[in-house]
Amino acid sequence: MIFQDGQKLLFIGDSITDSGRKDDPDGIGGGYVRMARDYLSIAHPAVCLQIENRGVSGETILDLHARWQEDVIALKPDWLTISIGINDEWKEVGLTKYRDTYCELLEETKKRTGASFILMETTIISEDPDDGKNERLVPYNQAIREVALQFGTILVPQNRLFTSYLREQRRRTLTVDQVHMNSTGNWFMAMNWLKACGVIKE
């Protein structure tokens, strides 16, 4: 397993990462972060990991930038998972600004913490894979893939996996409102993350 005993794993992003963490005594929330943490605890009980969630509902990459020192650099993670982009499309953060800010954050974090990165594609904004709304996310996900390649990070292809699943399983639902995950969607996200990290073998 790539994660080592005593390491700190930090997750940061928007509401899908947040998932009610401020109302959770553990500060983890009820979403994919909790499910990934619980799987790691069960599958690798001898490996003690510190899991931190710093997701905030409604945020864009620019909001992450504003709190990066406090919520990332100061915490000195060994591994940093980033899931951001849906609100950037909704709030019309320009693609160049999005990509440049993403790169700036990774460069600063690598220099000041030495953390390794796990980047996640966005999920979806409609459970209909043919809905044109999802097309608006295409350039943002392309930017994420380019940044992942540039920095040599692990990439979790959430958007492609969600689209493929929904195309094949049209009677299944992964969200409560076309965007935010139900329990199945959170497990799907967690499993995709665990597979990309090599914790679960295909």
N, C-alpha and C. Protein backbone atom coordinates (compact mmCIF):
# COMPACT_ATOMS: atom_id res chain seq x y z
N MET A 1 0.84 -1.20 0.00
CA MET A 1 0.00 0.00 0.00
C MET A 1 0.88 1.25 0.00
N ILE A 2 0.44 2.27 -0.71
CA ILE A 2 1.25 3.48 -0.83
C ILE A 2 1.26 4.31 0.45
N PHE A 3 0.23 4.17 1.29
CA PHE A 3 0.15 4.96 2.52
C PHE A 3 0.90 4.23 3.64
N GLN A 4 1.65 4.99 4.42
CA GLN A 4 2.48 4.41 5.46
C GLN A 4 1.99 4.81 6.84
N ASP A 5 2.27 3.96 7.80
CA ASP A 5 1.85 4.19 9.18
C ASP A 5 2.28 5.58 9.65
N GLY A 6 1.32 6.30 10.24
CA GLY A 6 1.60 7.62 10.79
C GLY A 6 1.43 8.77 9.82
N GLN A 7 1.14 8.48 8.56
CA GLN A 7 0.99 9.56 7.58
C GLN A 7 -0.34 10.29 7.73
N LYS A 8 -0.33 11.54 7.29
CA LYS A 8 -1.54 12.37 7.30
C LYS A 8 -2.07 12.49 5.88
N LEU A 9 -3.35 12.13 5.71
CA LEU A 9 -4.05 12.24 4.43
C LEU A 9 -5.07 13.36 4.55
N LEU A 10 -4.93 14.37 3.72
CA LEU A 10 -5.81 15.54 3.76
C LEU A 10 -6.65 15.57 2.49
N PHE A 11 -7.96 15.78 2.67
CA PHE A 11 -8.90 15.92 1.56
C PHE A 11 -9.42 17.35 1.57
N ILE A 12 -9.45 17.99 0.39
CA ILE A 12 -9.98 19.35 0.30
C ILE A 12 -10.83 19.47 -0.95
N GLY A 13 -11.87 20.30 -0.88
CA GLY A 13 -12.76 20.45 -2.02
C GLY A 13 -14.00 21.23 -1.66
N ASP A 14 -15.10 20.89 -2.34
CA ASP A 14 -16.36 21.61 -2.17
C ASP A 14 -17.34 20.78 -1.34
N SER A 15 -18.64 20.95 -1.57
CA SER A 15 -19.66 20.31 -0.74
C SER A 15 -19.62 18.79 -0.81
N ILE A 16 -19.20 18.24 -1.95
CA ILE A 16 -19.16 16.78 -2.09
C ILE A 16 -18.10 16.20 -1.16
N THR A 17 -17.04 16.94 -0.92
CA THR A 17 -16.03 16.53 0.06
C THR A 17 -16.47 16.89 1.47
N ASP A 18 -17.01 18.08 1.64
CA ASP A 18 -17.48 18.57 2.94
C ASP A 18 -18.43 17.57 3.59
N SER A 19 -19.54 17.31 2.93
CA SER A 19 -20.54 16.31 3.34
C SER A 19 -20.87 16.38 4.83
N GLY A 20 -21.11 17.60 5.32
CA GLY A 20 -21.57 17.79 6.69
C GLY A 20 -20.51 17.59 7.75
N ARG A 21 -19.25 17.86 7.43
CA ARG A 21 -18.17 17.58 8.39
C ARG A 21 -18.26 18.42 9.66
N LYS A 22 -18.81 19.63 9.57
CA LYS A 22 -18.87 20.49 10.75
C LYS A 22 -19.88 19.99 11.78
N ASP A 23 -20.82 19.16 11.34
CA ASP A 23 -21.80 18.57 12.25
C ASP A 23 -21.38 17.18 12.72
N ASP A 24 -20.20 16.76 12.33
CA ASP A 24 -19.69 15.43 12.66
C ASP A 24 -18.65 15.55 13.77
N PRO A 25 -18.82 14.85 14.89
CA PRO A 25 -17.83 14.93 15.97
C PRO A 25 -16.41 14.59 15.52
N ASP A 26 -16.30 13.73 14.50
CA ASP A 26 -14.97 13.37 13.98
C ASP A 26 -14.42 14.41 13.01
N GLY A 27 -15.29 15.33 12.55
CA GLY A 27 -14.87 16.31 11.57
C GLY A 27 -14.63 15.75 10.18
N ILE A 28 -15.16 14.56 9.92
CA ILE A 28 -14.91 13.86 8.65
C ILE A 28 -16.10 13.99 7.70
N GLY A 29 -17.30 14.13 8.24
CA GLY A 29 -18.50 14.17 7.41
C GLY A 29 -18.99 12.77 7.08
N GLY A 30 -20.11 12.73 6.36
CA GLY A 30 -20.73 11.44 6.06
C GLY A 30 -20.53 10.97 4.64
N GLY A 31 -19.57 11.55 3.93
CA GLY A 31 -19.41 11.24 2.51
C GLY A 31 -18.28 10.28 2.20
N TYR A 32 -17.71 10.46 1.01
CA TYR A 32 -16.69 9.53 0.52
C TYR A 32 -15.43 9.53 1.37
N VAL A 33 -15.12 10.65 2.03
CA VAL A 33 -13.92 10.70 2.87
C VAL A 33 -14.06 9.72 4.02
N ARG A 34 -15.22 9.71 4.66
CA ARG A 34 -15.46 8.77 5.76
C ARG A 34 -15.37 7.33 5.27
N MET A 35 -15.97 7.06 4.11
CA MET A 35 -15.99 5.69 3.61
C MET A 35 -14.59 5.21 3.23
N ALA A 36 -13.80 6.09 2.65
CA ALA A 36 -12.41 5.74 2.35
C ALA A 36 -11.63 5.50 3.64
N ARG A 37 -11.83 6.37 4.62
CA ARG A 37 -11.15 6.20 5.91
C ARG A 37 -11.52 4.89 6.56
N ASP A 38 -12.82 4.57 6.58
CA ASP A 38 -13.27 3.35 7.24
C ASP A 38 -12.74 2.11 6.52
N TYR A 39 -12.72 2.14 5.20
CA TYR A 39 -12.18 1.00 4.46
C TYR A 39 -10.71 0.80 4.80
N LEU A 40 -9.94 1.87 4.81
CA LEU A 40 -8.52 1.76 5.15
C LEU A 40 -8.32 1.20 6.55
N SER A 41 -9.16 1.62 7.49
CA SER A 41 -9.06 1.14 8.87
C SER A 41 -9.34 -0.35 8.96
N ILE A 42 -10.32 -0.82 8.20
CA ILE A 42 -10.70 -2.23 8.25
C ILE A 42 -9.70 -3.10 7.48
N ALA A 43 -9.32 -2.65 6.29
CA ALA A 43 -8.45 -3.46 5.43
C ALA A 43 -7.00 -3.46 5.90
N HIS A 44 -6.59 -2.39 6.57
CA HIS A 44 -5.19 -2.27 7.01
C HIS A 44 -5.14 -1.79 8.46
N PRO A 45 -5.60 -2.64 9.39
CA PRO A 45 -5.69 -2.20 10.79
C PRO A 45 -4.35 -1.87 11.43
N ALA A 46 -3.26 -2.39 10.89
CA ALA A 46 -1.94 -2.12 11.47
C ALA A 46 -1.37 -0.78 11.01
N VAL A 47 -2.01 -0.17 10.02
CA VAL A 47 -1.53 1.11 9.49
C VAL A 47 -2.41 2.23 10.05
N CYS A 48 -1.84 3.03 10.92
CA CYS A 48 -2.59 4.13 11.55
C CYS A 48 -2.39 5.40 10.73
N LEU A 49 -3.47 5.87 10.14
CA LEU A 49 -3.43 7.07 9.30
C LEU A 49 -4.25 8.19 9.94
N GLN A 50 -3.79 9.41 9.80
CA GLN A 50 -4.54 10.57 10.25
C GLN A 50 -5.27 11.15 9.05
N ILE A 51 -6.60 11.12 9.09
CA ILE A 51 -7.41 11.59 7.97
C ILE A 51 -8.03 12.94 8.34
N GLU A 52 -7.82 13.93 7.50
CA GLU A 52 -8.37 15.28 7.72
C GLU A 52 -9.25 15.66 6.53
N ASN A 53 -10.40 16.27 6.82
CA ASN A 53 -11.30 16.76 5.77
C ASN A 53 -11.40 18.28 5.88
N ARG A 54 -11.07 18.96 4.78
CA ARG A 54 -11.20 20.42 4.74
C ARG A 54 -12.07 20.86 3.56
N GLY A 55 -13.08 20.05 3.23
CA GLY A 55 -14.04 20.46 2.22
C GLY A 55 -14.95 21.56 2.75
N VAL A 56 -15.34 22.49 1.87
CA VAL A 56 -16.27 23.57 2.23
C VAL A 56 -17.28 23.72 1.10
N SER A 57 -18.56 23.66 1.46
CA SER A 57 -19.63 23.73 0.48
C SER A 57 -19.58 25.01 -0.34
N GLY A 58 -19.81 24.87 -1.65
CA GLY A 58 -19.93 26.01 -2.54
C GLY A 58 -18.64 26.58 -3.08
N GLU A 59 -17.52 25.99 -2.73
CA GLU A 59 -16.25 26.63 -3.06
C GLU A 59 -15.76 26.33 -4.48
N THR A 60 -14.93 27.26 -4.95
CA THR A 60 -14.22 27.13 -6.22
C THR A 60 -12.72 27.05 -5.93
N ILE A 61 -11.94 26.90 -6.98
CA ILE A 61 -10.48 26.88 -6.82
C ILE A 61 -9.97 28.19 -6.23
N LEU A 62 -10.68 29.30 -6.50
CA LEU A 62 -10.26 30.59 -5.95
C LEU A 62 -10.50 30.66 -4.45
N ASP A 63 -11.57 30.02 -3.99
CA ASP A 63 -11.82 29.96 -2.55
C ASP A 63 -10.78 29.09 -1.85
N LEU A 64 -10.40 27.99 -2.50
CA LEU A 64 -9.33 27.16 -1.93
C LEU A 64 -8.06 27.99 -1.79
N HIS A 65 -7.75 28.76 -2.81
CA HIS A 65 -6.54 29.59 -2.79
C HIS A 65 -6.54 30.53 -1.58
N ALA A 66 -7.72 31.08 -1.26
CA ALA A 66 -7.81 32.06 -0.18
C ALA A 66 -7.54 31.45 1.20
N ARG A 67 -7.77 30.15 1.35
CA ARG A 67 -7.58 29.52 2.66
C ARG A 67 -6.49 28.45 2.65
N TRP A 68 -5.70 28.43 1.60
CA TRP A 68 -4.71 27.36 1.41
C TRP A 68 -3.67 27.30 2.52
N GLN A 69 -3.19 28.46 2.95
CA GLN A 69 -2.16 28.48 4.01
C GLN A 69 -2.69 27.81 5.28
N GLU A 70 -3.88 28.19 5.69
CA GLU A 70 -4.44 27.69 6.94
C GLU A 70 -4.86 26.23 6.84
N ASP A 71 -5.50 25.86 5.73
CA ASP A 71 -6.13 24.54 5.64
C ASP A 71 -5.30 23.49 4.92
N VAL A 72 -4.18 23.88 4.34
CA VAL A 72 -3.30 22.88 3.71
C VAL A 72 -1.86 23.02 4.20
N ILE A 73 -1.22 24.14 3.92
CA ILE A 73 0.20 24.30 4.24
C ILE A 73 0.45 24.09 5.73
N ALA A 74 -0.37 24.72 6.57
CA ALA A 74 -0.16 24.64 8.02
C ALA A 74 -0.36 23.22 8.56
N LEU A 75 -1.14 22.41 7.86
CA LEU A 75 -1.41 21.04 8.32
C LEU A 75 -0.33 20.06 7.88
N LYS A 76 0.51 20.44 6.95
CA LYS A 76 1.64 19.62 6.49
C LYS A 76 1.24 18.18 6.17
N PRO A 77 0.35 17.99 5.21
CA PRO A 77 -0.06 16.63 4.87
C PRO A 77 1.04 15.86 4.15
N ASP A 78 0.98 14.53 4.28
CA ASP A 78 1.84 13.67 3.47
C ASP A 78 1.20 13.40 2.11
N TRP A 79 -0.13 13.33 2.12
CA TRP A 79 -0.91 13.11 0.89
C TRP A 79 -2.05 14.12 0.86
N LEU A 80 -2.24 14.74 -0.29
CA LEU A 80 -3.31 15.72 -0.46
C LEU A 80 -4.21 15.31 -1.61
N THR A 81 -5.49 15.10 -1.32
CA THR A 81 -6.49 14.81 -2.34
C THR A 81 -7.31 16.06 -2.60
N ILE A 82 -7.45 16.44 -3.88
CA ILE A 82 -8.19 17.64 -4.26
C ILE A 82 -9.34 17.26 -5.18
N SER A 83 -10.54 17.74 -4.84
CA SER A 83 -11.73 17.55 -5.67
C SER A 83 -12.42 18.90 -5.82
N ILE A 84 -12.23 19.54 -6.96
CA ILE A 84 -12.77 20.89 -7.16
C ILE A 84 -13.03 21.13 -8.64
N GLY A 85 -14.11 21.85 -8.95
CA GLY A 85 -14.37 22.16 -10.35
C GLY A 85 -15.83 22.39 -10.71
N ILE A 86 -16.75 21.73 -10.02
CA ILE A 86 -18.16 21.88 -10.38
C ILE A 86 -18.63 23.32 -10.15
N ASN A 87 -18.29 23.88 -8.99
CA ASN A 87 -18.69 25.26 -8.72
C ASN A 87 -17.94 26.26 -9.60
N ASP A 88 -16.75 25.88 -10.05
CA ASP A 88 -16.00 26.75 -10.95
C ASP A 88 -16.74 26.92 -12.27
N GLU A 89 -17.36 25.83 -12.74
CA GLU A 89 -18.16 25.93 -13.96
C GLU A 89 -19.41 26.76 -13.70
N TRP A 90 -20.10 26.50 -12.60
CA TRP A 90 -21.32 27.23 -12.28
C TRP A 90 -21.06 28.72 -12.08
N LYS A 91 -19.98 29.05 -11.40
CA LYS A 91 -19.67 30.44 -11.08
C LYS A 91 -18.79 31.11 -12.13
N GLU A 92 -18.58 30.39 -13.21
CA GLU A 92 -17.88 30.91 -14.39
C GLU A 92 -16.46 31.38 -14.08
N VAL A 93 -15.75 30.58 -13.29
CA VAL A 93 -14.32 30.81 -13.16
C VAL A 93 -13.68 30.42 -14.49
N GLY A 94 -12.99 31.32 -15.11
CA GLY A 94 -12.42 31.05 -16.42
C GLY A 94 -11.46 29.86 -16.39
N LEU A 95 -11.42 29.14 -17.49
CA LEU A 95 -10.63 27.92 -17.55
C LEU A 95 -9.14 28.20 -17.32
N THR A 96 -8.62 29.26 -17.91
CA THR A 96 -7.21 29.60 -17.72
C THR A 96 -6.93 29.93 -16.26
N LYS A 97 -7.81 30.72 -15.64
CA LYS A 97 -7.65 31.06 -14.23
C LYS A 97 -7.72 29.81 -13.36
N TYR A 98 -8.63 28.92 -13.70
CA TYR A 98 -8.79 27.67 -12.96
C TYR A 98 -7.50 26.85 -13.01
N ARG A 99 -7.01 26.65 -14.21
CA ARG A 99 -5.81 25.82 -14.39
C ARG A 99 -4.59 26.47 -13.76
N ASP A 100 -4.40 27.76 -13.97
CA ASP A 100 -3.23 28.45 -13.42
C ASP A 100 -3.23 28.43 -11.90
N THR A 101 -4.42 28.63 -11.30
CA THR A 101 -4.51 28.61 -9.84
C THR A 101 -4.24 27.22 -9.30
N TYR A 102 -4.77 26.21 -9.98
CA TYR A 102 -4.52 24.82 -9.58
C TYR A 102 -3.01 24.56 -9.56
N CYS A 103 -2.32 24.93 -10.62
CA CYS A 103 -0.87 24.72 -10.71
C CYS A 103 -0.13 25.48 -9.61
N GLU A 104 -0.56 26.71 -9.36
CA GLU A 104 0.08 27.52 -8.32
C GLU A 104 -0.03 26.85 -6.96
N LEU A 105 -1.21 26.30 -6.65
CA LEU A 105 -1.41 25.65 -5.36
C LEU A 105 -0.55 24.40 -5.23
N LEU A 106 -0.46 23.62 -6.28
CA LEU A 106 0.37 22.42 -6.22
C LEU A 106 1.84 22.77 -6.09
N GLU A 107 2.29 23.76 -6.82
CA GLU A 107 3.69 24.16 -6.74
C GLU A 107 4.05 24.62 -5.33
N GLU A 108 3.19 25.45 -4.75
CA GLU A 108 3.45 25.95 -3.40
C GLU A 108 3.45 24.81 -2.39
N THR A 109 2.50 23.90 -2.52
CA THR A 109 2.38 22.80 -1.57
C THR A 109 3.57 21.86 -1.65
N LYS A 110 3.98 21.55 -2.86
CA LYS A 110 5.14 20.66 -3.04
C LYS A 110 6.39 21.28 -2.43
N LYS A 111 6.57 22.57 -2.63
CA LYS A 111 7.76 23.26 -2.14
C LYS A 111 7.77 23.35 -0.62
N ARG A 112 6.59 23.58 -0.03
CA ARG A 112 6.55 23.88 1.40
C ARG A 112 6.21 22.69 2.29
N THR A 113 5.66 21.62 1.70
CA THR A 113 5.29 20.46 2.52
C THR A 113 5.87 19.15 2.01
N GLY A 114 6.20 19.08 0.72
CA GLY A 114 6.66 17.82 0.14
C GLY A 114 5.56 16.79 -0.04
N ALA A 115 4.31 17.22 0.06
CA ALA A 115 3.18 16.29 -0.04
C ALA A 115 3.11 15.65 -1.43
N SER A 116 2.54 14.45 -1.46
CA SER A 116 2.17 13.80 -2.72
C SER A 116 0.71 14.11 -3.00
N PHE A 117 0.34 14.13 -4.29
CA PHE A 117 -0.99 14.60 -4.68
C PHE A 117 -1.84 13.50 -5.30
N ILE A 118 -3.14 13.58 -5.01
CA ILE A 118 -4.16 12.75 -5.64
C ILE A 118 -5.22 13.70 -6.17
N LEU A 119 -5.32 13.84 -7.47
CA LEU A 119 -6.29 14.76 -8.07
C LEU A 119 -7.50 13.98 -8.57
N MET A 120 -8.67 14.53 -8.31
CA MET A 120 -9.90 13.88 -8.75
C MET A 120 -10.59 14.72 -9.82
N GLU A 121 -11.01 14.05 -10.89
CA GLU A 121 -11.92 14.71 -11.83
C GLU A 121 -13.19 15.09 -11.08
N THR A 122 -13.95 16.03 -11.64
CA THR A 122 -15.26 16.32 -11.07
C THR A 122 -16.17 15.12 -11.25
N THR A 123 -17.27 15.13 -10.53
CA THR A 123 -18.27 14.09 -10.74
C THR A 123 -19.20 14.53 -11.87
N ILE A 124 -20.46 14.82 -11.58
CA ILE A 124 -21.45 15.13 -12.61
C ILE A 124 -22.37 16.24 -12.12
N ILE A 125 -23.13 16.82 -13.06
CA ILE A 125 -24.18 17.76 -12.68
C ILE A 125 -25.53 17.32 -13.25
N SER A 126 -25.59 16.08 -13.72
CA SER A 126 -26.84 15.45 -14.13
C SER A 126 -26.59 13.95 -14.21
N GLU A 127 -27.56 13.16 -13.73
CA GLU A 127 -27.40 11.70 -13.80
C GLU A 127 -27.73 11.15 -15.18
N ASP A 128 -28.20 12.00 -16.08
CA ASP A 128 -28.37 11.59 -17.47
C ASP A 128 -27.05 11.84 -18.18
N PRO A 129 -26.33 10.77 -18.56
CA PRO A 129 -25.01 10.97 -19.16
C PRO A 129 -25.04 11.75 -20.47
N ASP A 130 -26.23 11.83 -21.09
CA ASP A 130 -26.36 12.55 -22.36
C ASP A 130 -26.87 13.98 -22.18
N ASP A 131 -27.07 14.39 -20.92
CA ASP A 131 -27.52 15.75 -20.64
C ASP A 131 -26.41 16.73 -21.00
N GLY A 132 -26.74 17.74 -21.76
CA GLY A 132 -25.75 18.71 -22.20
C GLY A 132 -25.08 19.46 -21.07
N LYS A 133 -25.71 19.49 -19.89
CA LYS A 133 -25.09 20.19 -18.76
C LYS A 133 -23.74 19.58 -18.40
N ASN A 134 -23.65 18.25 -18.53
CA ASN A 134 -22.38 17.60 -18.22
C ASN A 134 -21.27 17.99 -19.18
N GLU A 135 -21.66 18.39 -20.39
CA GLU A 135 -20.65 18.79 -21.38
C GLU A 135 -19.86 20.02 -20.91
N ARG A 136 -20.50 20.84 -20.06
CA ARG A 136 -19.82 22.05 -19.59
C ARG A 136 -18.64 21.73 -18.68
N LEU A 137 -18.62 20.51 -18.15
CA LEU A 137 -17.53 20.11 -17.27
C LEU A 137 -16.33 19.56 -18.04
N VAL A 138 -16.51 19.26 -19.32
CA VAL A 138 -15.46 18.61 -20.10
C VAL A 138 -14.14 19.38 -20.07
N PRO A 139 -14.13 20.70 -20.35
CA PRO A 139 -12.84 21.41 -20.34
C PRO A 139 -12.18 21.47 -18.97
N TYR A 140 -12.98 21.50 -17.91
CA TYR A 140 -12.41 21.52 -16.57
C TYR A 140 -11.75 20.18 -16.25
N ASN A 141 -12.40 19.10 -16.65
CA ASN A 141 -11.80 17.79 -16.42
C ASN A 141 -10.57 17.57 -17.29
N GLN A 142 -10.58 18.13 -18.48
CA GLN A 142 -9.37 18.07 -19.31
C GLN A 142 -8.23 18.82 -18.63
N ALA A 143 -8.54 19.96 -18.04
CA ALA A 143 -7.52 20.72 -17.31
C ALA A 143 -6.97 19.93 -16.13
N ILE A 144 -7.85 19.26 -15.41
CA ILE A 144 -7.40 18.44 -14.27
C ILE A 144 -6.45 17.34 -14.75
N ARG A 145 -6.80 16.69 -15.84
CA ARG A 145 -5.93 15.63 -16.37
C ARG A 145 -4.57 16.19 -16.80
N GLU A 146 -4.58 17.36 -17.39
CA GLU A 146 -3.32 17.98 -17.81
C GLU A 146 -2.46 18.35 -16.61
N VAL A 147 -3.08 18.88 -15.57
CA VAL A 147 -2.34 19.24 -14.36
C VAL A 147 -1.77 17.98 -13.69
N ALA A 148 -2.59 16.93 -13.64
CA ALA A 148 -2.12 15.67 -13.06
C ALA A 148 -0.91 15.13 -13.81
N LEU A 149 -0.95 15.21 -15.12
CA LEU A 149 0.18 14.75 -15.94
C LEU A 149 1.41 15.63 -15.71
N GLN A 150 1.19 16.93 -15.67
CA GLN A 150 2.30 17.87 -15.47
C GLN A 150 3.03 17.63 -14.16
N PHE A 151 2.27 17.34 -13.09
CA PHE A 151 2.87 17.19 -11.77
C PHE A 151 3.12 15.73 -11.39
N GLY A 152 2.76 14.80 -12.27
CA GLY A 152 3.00 13.39 -12.00
C GLY A 152 2.20 12.85 -10.83
N THR A 153 0.95 13.27 -10.71
CA THR A 153 0.12 12.87 -9.57
C THR A 153 -0.70 11.63 -9.90
N ILE A 154 -1.28 11.05 -8.86
CA ILE A 154 -2.34 10.06 -9.05
C ILE A 154 -3.58 10.80 -9.54
N LEU A 155 -4.28 10.22 -10.50
CA LEU A 155 -5.52 10.81 -11.02
C LEU A 155 -6.66 9.83 -10.79
N VAL A 156 -7.74 10.33 -10.19
CA VAL A 156 -8.95 9.53 -10.01
C VAL A 156 -9.96 10.00 -11.05
N PRO A 157 -10.25 9.19 -12.08
CA PRO A 157 -11.10 9.64 -13.19
C PRO A 157 -12.59 9.56 -12.84
N GLN A 158 -13.00 10.30 -11.81
CA GLN A 158 -14.38 10.21 -11.33
C GLN A 158 -15.39 10.49 -12.44
N ASN A 159 -15.18 11.54 -13.23
CA ASN A 159 -16.17 11.90 -14.23
C ASN A 159 -16.37 10.79 -15.24
N ARG A 160 -15.29 10.23 -15.72
CA ARG A 160 -15.40 9.15 -16.70
C ARG A 160 -16.05 7.92 -16.09
N LEU A 161 -15.72 7.60 -14.83
CA LEU A 161 -16.29 6.43 -14.18
C LEU A 161 -17.78 6.64 -13.88
N PHE A 162 -18.16 7.84 -13.43
CA PHE A 162 -19.58 8.13 -13.20
C PHE A 162 -20.37 8.03 -14.50
N THR A 163 -19.84 8.63 -15.56
CA THR A 163 -20.54 8.61 -16.84
C THR A 163 -20.72 7.19 -17.35
N SER A 164 -19.68 6.39 -17.26
CA SER A 164 -19.75 5.00 -17.72
C SER A 164 -20.75 4.20 -16.90
N TYR A 165 -20.71 4.37 -15.58
CA TYR A 165 -21.63 3.64 -14.71
C TYR A 165 -23.08 4.02 -15.02
N LEU A 166 -23.36 5.30 -15.12
CA LEU A 166 -24.73 5.75 -15.35
C LEU A 166 -25.23 5.36 -16.73
N ARG A 167 -24.34 5.25 -17.68
CA ARG A 167 -24.74 4.82 -19.02
C ARG A 167 -25.14 3.34 -19.01
N GLU A 168 -24.48 2.56 -18.17
CA GLU A 168 -24.75 1.12 -18.11
C GLU A 168 -25.85 0.77 -17.12
N GLN A 169 -26.03 1.59 -16.09
CA GLN A 169 -26.97 1.28 -15.00
C GLN A 169 -28.01 2.39 -14.89
N ARG A 170 -28.83 2.52 -15.87
CA ARG A 170 -29.75 3.67 -15.93
C ARG A 170 -30.82 3.64 -14.84
N ARG A 171 -31.05 2.50 -14.23
CA ARG A 171 -32.06 2.43 -13.16
C ARG A 171 -31.46 2.73 -11.80
N ARG A 172 -30.16 2.88 -11.73
CA ARG A 172 -29.50 3.18 -10.47
C ARG A 172 -29.33 4.69 -10.31
N THR A 173 -29.29 5.13 -9.06
CA THR A 173 -29.03 6.54 -8.81
C THR A 173 -27.83 6.67 -7.88
N LEU A 174 -27.05 7.71 -8.09
CA LEU A 174 -25.86 7.96 -7.29
C LEU A 174 -25.95 9.27 -6.52
N THR A 175 -26.98 10.07 -6.80
CA THR A 175 -27.10 11.38 -6.15
C THR A 175 -28.49 11.57 -5.56
N VAL A 176 -28.62 12.60 -4.74
CA VAL A 176 -29.93 12.96 -4.19
C VAL A 176 -30.58 14.07 -4.99
N ASP A 177 -29.78 14.78 -5.81
CA ASP A 177 -30.30 15.96 -6.51
C ASP A 177 -29.60 16.21 -7.84
N GLN A 178 -29.05 15.17 -8.42
CA GLN A 178 -28.27 15.24 -9.67
C GLN A 178 -26.82 15.66 -9.45
N VAL A 179 -26.49 16.16 -8.25
CA VAL A 179 -25.13 16.64 -8.00
C VAL A 179 -24.53 16.02 -6.74
N HIS A 180 -25.23 16.13 -5.62
CA HIS A 180 -24.69 15.68 -4.33
C HIS A 180 -24.99 14.19 -4.12
N MET A 181 -24.00 13.49 -3.58
CA MET A 181 -24.07 12.03 -3.53
C MET A 181 -25.07 11.50 -2.50
N ASN A 182 -25.75 10.40 -2.87
CA ASN A 182 -26.41 9.57 -1.88
C ASN A 182 -25.36 8.58 -1.37
N SER A 183 -25.78 7.64 -0.51
CA SER A 183 -24.78 6.74 0.08
C SER A 183 -24.10 5.88 -0.98
N THR A 184 -24.85 5.47 -2.01
CA THR A 184 -24.25 4.69 -3.08
C THR A 184 -23.21 5.50 -3.84
N GLY A 185 -23.54 6.76 -4.13
CA GLY A 185 -22.60 7.62 -4.82
C GLY A 185 -21.34 7.87 -4.02
N ASN A 186 -21.49 8.04 -2.71
CA ASN A 186 -20.31 8.23 -1.87
C ASN A 186 -19.43 6.98 -1.84
N TRP A 187 -20.06 5.82 -1.79
CA TRP A 187 -19.27 4.58 -1.85
C TRP A 187 -18.58 4.44 -3.20
N PHE A 188 -19.27 4.82 -4.25
CA PHE A 188 -18.68 4.75 -5.60
C PHE A 188 -17.45 5.66 -5.68
N MET A 189 -17.58 6.88 -5.17
CA MET A 189 -16.44 7.80 -5.16
C MET A 189 -15.28 7.23 -4.35
N ALA A 190 -15.60 6.71 -3.16
CA ALA A 190 -14.55 6.15 -2.30
C ALA A 190 -13.86 4.97 -2.96
N MET A 191 -14.64 4.08 -3.58
CA MET A 191 -14.05 2.92 -4.25
C MET A 191 -13.16 3.35 -5.40
N ASN A 192 -13.59 4.35 -6.16
CA ASN A 192 -12.77 4.85 -7.26
C ASN A 192 -11.45 5.41 -6.75
N TRP A 193 -11.52 6.12 -5.64
CA TRP A 193 -10.31 6.68 -5.03
C TRP A 193 -9.39 5.57 -4.54
N LEU A 194 -9.95 4.59 -3.86
CA LEU A 194 -9.16 3.48 -3.33
C LEU A 194 -8.50 2.67 -4.45
N LYS A 195 -9.22 2.49 -5.55
CA LYS A 195 -8.65 1.76 -6.69
C LYS A 195 -7.52 2.56 -7.34
N ALA A 196 -7.74 3.85 -7.52
CA ALA A 196 -6.71 4.68 -8.14
C ALA A 196 -5.43 4.72 -7.30
N CYS A 197 -5.60 4.62 -5.99
CA CYS A 197 -4.45 4.63 -5.08
C CYS A 197 -3.83 3.25 -4.91
N GLY A 198 -4.43 2.24 -5.52
CA GLY A 198 -3.89 0.90 -5.44
C GLY A 198 -4.23 0.16 -4.17
N VAL A 199 -5.12 0.73 -3.35
CA VAL A 199 -5.53 0.06 -2.11
C VAL A 199 -6.41 -1.14 -2.44
N ILE A 200 -7.30 -0.96 -3.41
CA ILE A 200 -8.13 -2.05 -3.93
C ILE A 200 -7.62 -2.39 -5.32
N LYS A 201 -7.30 -3.64 -5.53
CA LYS A 201 -6.81 -4.08 -6.83
C LYS A 201 -7.98 -4.38 -7.74
N GLU A 202 -7.85 -3.98 -9.01
CA GLU A 202 -8.90 -4.22 -10.00
C GLU A 202 -9.04 -5.73 -10.26
